[in-house]
Protein backbone atom coordinates (compact mmCIF):
# COMPACT_ATOMS: atom_id res chain seq x y z
CA UNK A 1 115.07 188.07 179.40
CA UNK A 2 115.10 187.59 183.18
CA UNK A 3 117.83 188.87 185.58
CA UNK A 4 119.73 186.13 187.26
CA UNK A 5 119.19 185.87 191.05
CA UNK A 6 122.12 186.84 193.26
CA UNK A 7 124.36 183.81 193.76
CA UNK A 8 122.97 182.03 190.67
CA UNK A 9 125.43 180.68 188.13
CA UNK A 10 125.49 181.57 184.44
CA UNK A 11 126.13 178.89 181.88
CA UNK A 12 129.71 178.69 180.66
CA UNK A 13 130.54 180.85 177.65
CA UNK A 14 129.70 179.30 174.33
CA UNK A 15 126.78 177.08 175.75
CA UNK A 16 123.12 177.64 175.18
CA UNK A 17 120.92 177.98 178.26
CA UNK A 18 117.57 176.35 178.17
CA UNK A 19 114.65 178.64 178.85
CA UNK A 20 112.50 176.31 181.00
CA UNK A 21 109.39 178.45 180.55
CA UNK A 22 109.61 178.24 176.76
CA UNK A 23 110.57 174.53 176.87
CA UNK A 24 107.41 173.66 178.88
CA UNK A 25 105.05 176.12 177.16
CA UNK A 26 102.97 173.43 175.40
CA UNK A 27 103.96 170.48 177.64
CA UNK A 28 100.36 169.38 178.30
CA UNK A 29 99.55 168.90 174.65
CA UNK A 30 102.77 167.23 173.64
CA UNK A 31 102.99 163.52 172.86
CA UNK A 32 104.61 161.38 175.47
CA UNK A 33 107.83 160.89 173.46
CA UNK A 34 108.25 164.64 173.20
CA UNK A 35 107.57 165.18 176.83
CA UNK A 36 110.26 162.64 177.73
CA UNK A 37 112.73 164.48 175.35
CA UNK A 38 111.80 167.81 176.85
CA UNK A 39 112.32 166.69 180.38
CA UNK A 40 115.63 164.94 179.50
CA UNK A 41 116.87 168.13 177.98
CA UNK A 42 115.81 170.20 181.06
CA UNK A 43 117.43 167.72 183.37
CA UNK A 44 120.63 167.74 181.38
CA UNK A 45 120.76 171.52 181.38
CA UNK A 46 120.10 171.71 185.14
CA UNK A 47 122.78 169.13 185.95
CA UNK A 48 125.36 170.95 183.73
CA UNK A 49 124.52 174.23 185.43
CA UNK A 50 124.96 172.73 188.91
CA UNK A 51 128.17 170.95 187.96
CA UNK A 52 129.73 174.08 186.27
CA UNK A 53 132.49 175.77 188.30
CA UNK A 54 131.47 179.13 189.68
CA UNK A 55 132.82 182.10 187.87
CA UNK A 56 133.61 185.32 189.80
């Protein structure tokens, strides 16, 4: 598991963070529909992490 960068935000308690590296591991071989779903999941996760209030 990677160490968060200074200033990075952690996902709110009780939510599952998406490991982008794992999500995209077999991206090239995936069917188009699967690629779209994977990218949608990644986008949603990134937006949620950006919209989450910072915790001190």
